[in-house]
Amino acid sequence: GYINSECPSACDYRCSKTQYKKACVFFCNYCCLKCLCVPSGTYGNKEECPCYNNMKTKRGTPKCP
């Protein structure tokens, strides 16, 4: 698990390949603060962080990038 101060750098890497960087970083940091976990790599691997994987928006779509 990450500590809160590690979330920004973990999320910068997680979001490094997306074209929606601002939104990605915002939601990734939100999820990291709640879950204290960010999946490895820039995409996928969400099974590493069940909390991160299971957070949904009101519409039922994945909240965490």
PDB file of N, CA and C in Angstrom:
ATOM      1  N   GLY A   1       0.816  -1.203   0.000  1.00  0.00           N
ATOM      2  CA  GLY A   1       0.000   0.000   0.000  1.00  0.00           C
ATOM      3  C   GLY A   1       0.855   1.261   0.000  1.00  0.00           C
ATOM      4  N   TYR A   2       0.307   2.316  -0.512  1.00  0.00           N
ATOM      5  CA  TYR A   2       0.997   3.597  -0.562  1.00  0.00           C
ATOM      6  C   TYR A   2       0.622   4.424   0.653  1.00  0.00           C
ATOM      7  N   ILE A   3       1.517   5.323   1.037  1.00  0.00           N
ATOM      8  CA  ILE A   3       1.114   6.368   1.974  1.00  0.00           C
ATOM      9  C   ILE A   3       0.704   7.577   1.145  1.00  0.00           C
ATOM     10  N   ASN A   4      -0.107   8.445   1.731  1.00  0.00           N
ATOM     11  CA  ASN A   4      -0.708   9.537   0.969  1.00  0.00           C
ATOM     12  C   ASN A   4       0.295  10.343   0.158  1.00  0.00           C
ATOM     13  N   SER A   5       1.484  10.574   0.718  1.00  0.00           N
ATOM     14  CA  SER A   5       2.462  11.412   0.024  1.00  0.00           C
ATOM     15  C   SER A   5       3.007  10.735  -1.228  1.00  0.00           C
ATOM     16  N   GLU A   6       2.804   9.435  -1.374  1.00  0.00           N
ATOM     17  CA  GLU A   6       3.290   8.716  -2.550  1.00  0.00           C
ATOM     18  C   GLU A   6       2.268   8.702  -3.678  1.00  0.00           C
ATOM     19  N   CYS A   7       1.029   9.106  -3.388  1.00  0.00           N
ATOM     20  CA  CYS A   7      -0.023   9.041  -4.397  1.00  0.00           C
ATOM     21  C   CYS A   7       0.294   9.874  -5.639  1.00  0.00           C
ATOM     22  N   PRO A   8       0.727  11.151  -5.497  1.00  0.00           N
ATOM     23  CA  PRO A   8       0.941  11.952  -6.707  1.00  0.00           C
ATOM     24  C   PRO A   8       1.945  11.345  -7.687  1.00  0.00           C
ATOM     25  N   SER A   9       3.054  10.813  -7.188  1.00  0.00           N
ATOM     26  CA  SER A   9       4.030  10.254  -8.125  1.00  0.00           C
ATOM     27  C   SER A   9       3.530   8.933  -8.713  1.00  0.00           C
ATOM     28  N   ALA A  10       2.840   8.126  -7.907  1.00  0.00           N
ATOM     29  CA  ALA A  10       2.269   6.882  -8.423  1.00  0.00           C
ATOM     30  C   ALA A  10       1.237   7.185  -9.503  1.00  0.00           C
ATOM     31  N   CYS A  11       0.438   8.225  -9.279  1.00  0.00           N
ATOM     32  CA  CYS A  11      -0.613   8.568 -10.230  1.00  0.00           C
ATOM     33  C   CYS A  11      -0.057   9.247 -11.471  1.00  0.00           C
ATOM     34  N   ASP A  12       1.000  10.024 -11.324  1.00  0.00           N
ATOM     35  CA  ASP A  12       1.640  10.609 -12.498  1.00  0.00           C
ATOM     36  C   ASP A  12       2.093   9.504 -13.437  1.00  0.00           C
ATOM     37  N   TYR A  13       2.665   8.440 -12.873  1.00  0.00           N
ATOM     38  CA  TYR A  13       3.096   7.323 -13.715  1.00  0.00           C
ATOM     39  C   TYR A  13       1.884   6.575 -14.281  1.00  0.00           C
ATOM     40  N   ARG A  14       0.912   6.296 -13.427  1.00  0.00           N
ATOM     41  CA  ARG A  14      -0.283   5.571 -13.850  1.00  0.00           C
ATOM     42  C   ARG A  14      -0.941   6.274 -15.046  1.00  0.00           C
ATOM     43  N   CYS A  15      -0.929   7.599 -15.041  1.00  0.00           N
ATOM     44  CA  CYS A  15      -1.635   8.395 -16.040  1.00  0.00           C
ATOM     45  C   CYS A  15      -0.726   8.906 -17.154  1.00  0.00           C
ATOM     46  N   SER A  16       0.491   8.415 -17.207  1.00  0.00           N
ATOM     47  CA  SER A  16       1.482   9.006 -18.126  1.00  0.00           C
ATOM     48  C   SER A  16       1.165   8.765 -19.597  1.00  0.00           C
ATOM     49  N   LYS A  17       0.333   7.766 -19.907  1.00  0.00           N
ATOM     50  CA  LYS A  17       0.080   7.465 -21.318  1.00  0.00           C
ATOM     51  C   LYS A  17      -1.303   7.898 -21.800  1.00  0.00           C
ATOM     52  N   THR A  18      -2.127   8.454 -20.917  1.00  0.00           N
ATOM     53  CA  THR A  18      -3.476   8.827 -21.328  1.00  0.00           C
ATOM     54  C   THR A  18      -3.511  10.227 -21.917  1.00  0.00           C
ATOM     55  N   GLN A  19      -4.492  10.476 -22.787  1.00  0.00           N
ATOM     56  CA  GLN A  19      -4.663  11.833 -23.316  1.00  0.00           C
ATOM     57  C   GLN A  19      -5.508  12.677 -22.366  1.00  0.00           C
ATOM     58  N   TYR A  20      -6.135  12.037 -21.395  1.00  0.00           N
ATOM     59  CA  TYR A  20      -6.977  12.755 -20.421  1.00  0.00           C
ATOM     60  C   TYR A  20      -6.242  12.863 -19.090  1.00  0.00           C
ATOM     61  N   LYS A  21      -5.042  13.409 -19.157  1.00  0.00           N
ATOM     62  CA  LYS A  21      -4.138  13.377 -18.012  1.00  0.00           C
ATOM     63  C   LYS A  21      -4.721  14.049 -16.765  1.00  0.00           C
ATOM     64  N   LYS A  22      -5.312  15.238 -16.928  1.00  0.00           N
ATOM     65  CA  LYS A  22      -5.805  15.968 -15.762  1.00  0.00           C
ATOM     66  C   LYS A  22      -6.876  15.188 -15.015  1.00  0.00           C
ATOM     67  N   ALA A  23      -7.843  14.672 -15.752  1.00  0.00           N
ATOM     68  CA  ALA A  23      -8.918  13.901 -15.131  1.00  0.00           C
ATOM     69  C   ALA A  23      -8.375  12.616 -14.534  1.00  0.00           C
ATOM     70  N   CYS A  24      -7.494  11.965 -15.261  1.00  0.00           N
ATOM     71  CA  CYS A  24      -6.901  10.709 -14.782  1.00  0.00           C
ATOM     72  C   CYS A  24      -6.176  10.927 -13.461  1.00  0.00           C
ATOM     73  N   VAL A  25      -5.334  11.942 -13.412  1.00  0.00           N
ATOM     74  CA  VAL A  25      -4.562  12.217 -12.195  1.00  0.00           C
ATOM     75  C   VAL A  25      -5.498  12.574 -11.038  1.00  0.00           C
ATOM     76  N   PHE A  26      -6.532  13.356 -11.319  1.00  0.00           N
ATOM     77  CA  PHE A  26      -7.480  13.735 -10.276  1.00  0.00           C
ATOM     78  C   PHE A  26      -8.144  12.494  -9.664  1.00  0.00           C
ATOM     79  N   PHE A  27      -8.688  11.636 -10.508  1.00  0.00           N
ATOM     80  CA  PHE A  27      -9.390  10.460  -9.994  1.00  0.00           C
ATOM     81  C   PHE A  27      -8.431   9.444  -9.397  1.00  0.00           C
ATOM     82  N   CYS A  28      -7.267   9.302 -10.002  1.00  0.00           N
ATOM     83  CA  CYS A  28      -6.273   8.382  -9.447  1.00  0.00           C
ATOM     84  C   CYS A  28      -5.877   8.806  -8.036  1.00  0.00           C
ATOM     85  N   ASN A  29      -5.616  10.091  -7.839  1.00  0.00           N
ATOM     86  CA  ASN A  29      -5.246  10.565  -6.503  1.00  0.00           C
ATOM     87  C   ASN A  29      -6.391  10.388  -5.509  1.00  0.00           C
ATOM     88  N   TYR A  30      -7.615  10.652  -5.952  1.00  0.00           N
ATOM     89  CA  TYR A  30      -8.789  10.452  -5.103  1.00  0.00           C
ATOM     90  C   TYR A  30      -8.848   8.991  -4.650  1.00  0.00           C
ATOM     91  N   CYS A  31      -8.681   8.092  -5.606  1.00  0.00           N
ATOM     92  CA  CYS A  31      -8.755   6.662  -5.303  1.00  0.00           C
ATOM     93  C   CYS A  31      -7.580   6.208  -4.442  1.00  0.00           C
ATOM     94  N   CYS A  32      -6.404   6.743  -4.729  1.00  0.00           N
ATOM     95  CA  CYS A  32      -5.220   6.383  -3.960  1.00  0.00           C
ATOM     96  C   CYS A  32      -5.376   6.806  -2.505  1.00  0.00           C
ATOM     97  N   LEU A  33      -5.911   8.003  -2.278  1.00  0.00           N
ATOM     98  CA  LEU A  33      -6.090   8.481  -0.907  1.00  0.00           C
ATOM     99  C   LEU A  33      -7.067   7.595  -0.149  1.00  0.00           C
ATOM    100  N   LYS A  34      -8.106   7.104  -0.857  1.00  0.00           N
ATOM    101  CA  LYS A  34      -9.096   6.259  -0.208  1.00  0.00           C
ATOM    102  C   LYS A  34      -8.602   4.818  -0.046  1.00  0.00           C
ATOM    103  N   CYS A  35      -7.899   4.320  -1.059  1.00  0.00           N
ATOM    104  CA  CYS A  35      -7.536   2.895  -1.101  1.00  0.00           C
ATOM    105  C   CYS A  35      -6.101   2.626  -0.675  1.00  0.00           C
ATOM    106  N   LEU A  36      -5.267   3.669  -0.688  1.00  0.00           N
ATOM    107  CA  LEU A  36      -3.832   3.526  -0.398  1.00  0.00           C
ATOM    108  C   LEU A  36      -3.194   2.481  -1.294  1.00  0.00           C
ATOM    109  N   CYS A  37      -3.624   2.478  -2.541  1.00  0.00           N
ATOM    110  CA  CYS A  37      -3.079   1.529  -3.507  1.00  0.00           C
ATOM    111  C   CYS A  37      -3.321   2.086  -4.895  1.00  0.00           C
ATOM    112  N   VAL A  38      -2.326   1.942  -5.758  1.00  0.00           N
ATOM    113  CA  VAL A  38      -2.470   2.266  -7.176  1.00  0.00           C
ATOM    114  C   VAL A  38      -1.934   1.058  -7.943  1.00  0.00           C
ATOM    115  N   PRO A  39      -2.688   0.548  -8.911  1.00  0.00           N
ATOM    116  CA  PRO A  39      -2.188  -0.622  -9.655  1.00  0.00           C
ATOM    117  C   PRO A  39      -0.887  -0.305 -10.388  1.00  0.00           C
ATOM    118  N   SER A  40      -0.082  -1.320 -10.598  1.00  0.00           N
ATOM    119  CA  SER A  40       1.183  -1.117 -11.303  1.00  0.00           C
ATOM    120  C   SER A  40       0.914  -0.924 -12.795  1.00  0.00           C
ATOM    121  N   GLY A  41       1.862  -0.306 -13.480  1.00  0.00           N
ATOM    122  CA  GLY A  41       1.721  -0.085 -14.912  1.00  0.00           C
ATOM    123  C   GLY A  41       0.846   1.122 -15.208  1.00  0.00           C
ATOM    124  N   THR A  42       0.665   1.397 -16.498  1.00  0.00           N
ATOM    125  CA  THR A  42      -0.104   2.566 -16.905  1.00  0.00           C
ATOM    126  C   THR A  42      -1.551   2.211 -17.206  1.00  0.00           C
ATOM    127  N   TYR A  43      -1.878   0.919 -17.220  1.00  0.00           N
ATOM    128  CA  TYR A  43      -3.227   0.479 -17.583  1.00  0.00           C
ATOM    129  C   TYR A  43      -3.464  -0.922 -17.018  1.00  0.00           C
ATOM    130  N   GLY A  44      -4.718  -1.213 -16.667  1.00  0.00           N
ATOM    131  CA  GLY A  44      -5.034  -2.562 -16.208  1.00  0.00           C
ATOM    132  C   GLY A  44      -4.423  -2.868 -14.852  1.00  0.00           C
ATOM    133  N   ASN A  45      -4.193  -4.147 -14.572  1.00  0.00           N
ATOM    134  CA  ASN A  45      -3.615  -4.638 -13.304  1.00  0.00           C
ATOM    135  C   ASN A  45      -4.452  -4.262 -12.089  1.00  0.00           C
ATOM    136  N   LYS A  46      -5.745  -3.955 -12.299  1.00  0.00           N
ATOM    137  CA  LYS A  46      -6.541  -3.455 -11.180  1.00  0.00           C
ATOM    138  C   LYS A  46      -6.814  -4.523 -10.125  1.00  0.00           C
ATOM    139  N   GLU A  47      -6.616  -5.783 -10.477  1.00  0.00           N
ATOM    140  CA  GLU A  47      -6.828  -6.834  -9.470  1.00  0.00           C
ATOM    141  C   GLU A  47      -5.820  -6.706  -8.324  1.00  0.00           C
ATOM    142  N   GLU A  48      -4.748  -5.972  -8.531  1.00  0.00           N
ATOM    143  CA  GLU A  48      -3.772  -5.736  -7.461  1.00  0.00           C
ATOM    144  C   GLU A  48      -4.361  -4.864  -6.346  1.00  0.00           C
ATOM    145  N   CYS A  49      -5.383  -4.085  -6.680  1.00  0.00           N
ATOM    146  CA  CYS A  49      -5.969  -3.125  -5.738  1.00  0.00           C
ATOM    147  C   CYS A  49      -7.486  -3.289  -5.736  1.00  0.00           C
ATOM    148  N   PRO A  50      -8.012  -4.284  -5.007  1.00  0.00           N
ATOM    149  CA  PRO A  50      -9.456  -4.534  -5.055  1.00  0.00           C
ATOM    150  C   PRO A  50     -10.288  -3.292  -4.729  1.00  0.00           C
ATOM    151  N   CYS A  51      -9.870  -2.503  -3.755  1.00  0.00           N
ATOM    152  CA  CYS A  51     -10.597  -1.290  -3.387  1.00  0.00           C
ATOM    153  C   CYS A  51     -10.646  -0.334  -4.564  1.00  0.00           C
ATOM    154  N   TYR A  52      -9.520  -0.127  -5.205  1.00  0.00           N
ATOM    155  CA  TYR A  52      -9.390   0.764  -6.361  1.00  0.00           C
ATOM    156  C   TYR A  52     -10.259   0.242  -7.510  1.00  0.00           C
ATOM    157  N   ASN A  53     -10.221  -1.065  -7.696  1.00  0.00           N
ATOM    158  CA  ASN A  53     -10.964  -1.708  -8.775  1.00  0.00           C
ATOM    159  C   ASN A  53     -12.471  -1.610  -8.559  1.00  0.00           C
ATOM    160  N   ASN A  54     -12.916  -1.652  -7.299  1.00  0.00           N
ATOM    161  CA  ASN A  54     -14.345  -1.757  -6.997  1.00  0.00           C
ATOM    162  C   ASN A  54     -15.047  -0.414  -6.850  1.00  0.00           C
ATOM    163  N   MET A  55     -14.304   0.690  -6.823  1.00  0.00           N
ATOM    164  CA  MET A  55     -14.954   1.996  -6.694  1.00  0.00           C
ATOM    165  C   MET A  55     -15.650   2.355  -7.993  1.00  0.00           C
ATOM    166  N   LYS A  56     -16.913   2.723  -7.901  1.00  0.00           N
ATOM    167  CA  LYS A  56     -17.717   3.026  -9.085  1.00  0.00           C
ATOM    168  C   LYS A  56     -18.298   4.437  -8.998  1.00  0.00           C
ATOM    169  N   THR A  57     -18.574   5.019 -10.169  1.00  0.00           N
ATOM    170  CA  THR A  57     -19.285   6.290 -10.222  1.00  0.00           C
ATOM    171  C   THR A  57     -20.769   6.029  -9.984  1.00  0.00           C
ATOM    172  N   LYS A  58     -21.543   7.095  -9.890  1.00  0.00           N
ATOM    173  CA  LYS A  58     -22.995   6.940  -9.708  1.00  0.00           C
ATOM    174  C   LYS A  58     -23.622   6.160 -10.861  1.00  0.00           C
ATOM    175  N   ARG A  59     -23.016   6.242 -12.031  1.00  0.00           N
ATOM    176  CA  ARG A  59     -23.546   5.522 -13.204  1.00  0.00           C
ATOM    177  C   ARG A  59     -23.105   4.071 -13.228  1.00  0.00           C
ATOM    178  N   GLY A  60     -22.245   3.687 -12.277  1.00  0.00           N
ATOM    179  CA  GLY A  60     -21.795   2.293 -12.232  1.00  0.00           C
ATOM    180  C   GLY A  60     -20.593   1.990 -13.083  1.00  0.00           C
ATOM    181  N   THR A  61     -19.939   3.036 -13.595  1.00  0.00           N
ATOM    182  CA  THR A  61     -18.703   2.817 -14.364  1.00  0.00           C
ATOM    183  C   THR A  61     -17.509   2.924 -13.415  1.00  0.00           C
ATOM    184  N   PRO A  62     -16.371   2.353 -13.789  1.00  0.00           N
ATOM    185  CA  PRO A  62     -15.201   2.409 -12.888  1.00  0.00           C
ATOM    186  C   PRO A  62     -14.802   3.852 -12.614  1.00  0.00           C
ATOM    187  N   LYS A  63     -14.552   4.166 -11.353  1.00  0.00           N
ATOM    188  CA  LYS A  63     -14.177   5.526 -10.970  1.00  0.00           C
ATOM    189  C   LYS A  63     -12.673   5.727 -11.106  1.00  0.00           C
ATOM    190  N   CYS A  64     -11.910   4.699 -10.865  1.00  0.00           N
ATOM    191  CA  CYS A  64     -10.452   4.825 -10.776  1.00  0.00           C
ATOM    192  C   CYS A  64      -9.792   4.410 -12.083  1.00  0.00           C
ATOM    193  N   PRO A  65      -8.864   5.216 -12.554  1.00  0.00           N
ATOM    194  CA  PRO A  65      -8.231   4.926 -13.857  1.00  0.00           C
ATOM    195  C   PRO A  65      -7.171   3.831 -13.782  1.00  0.00           C
TER     196      PRO A  65
END
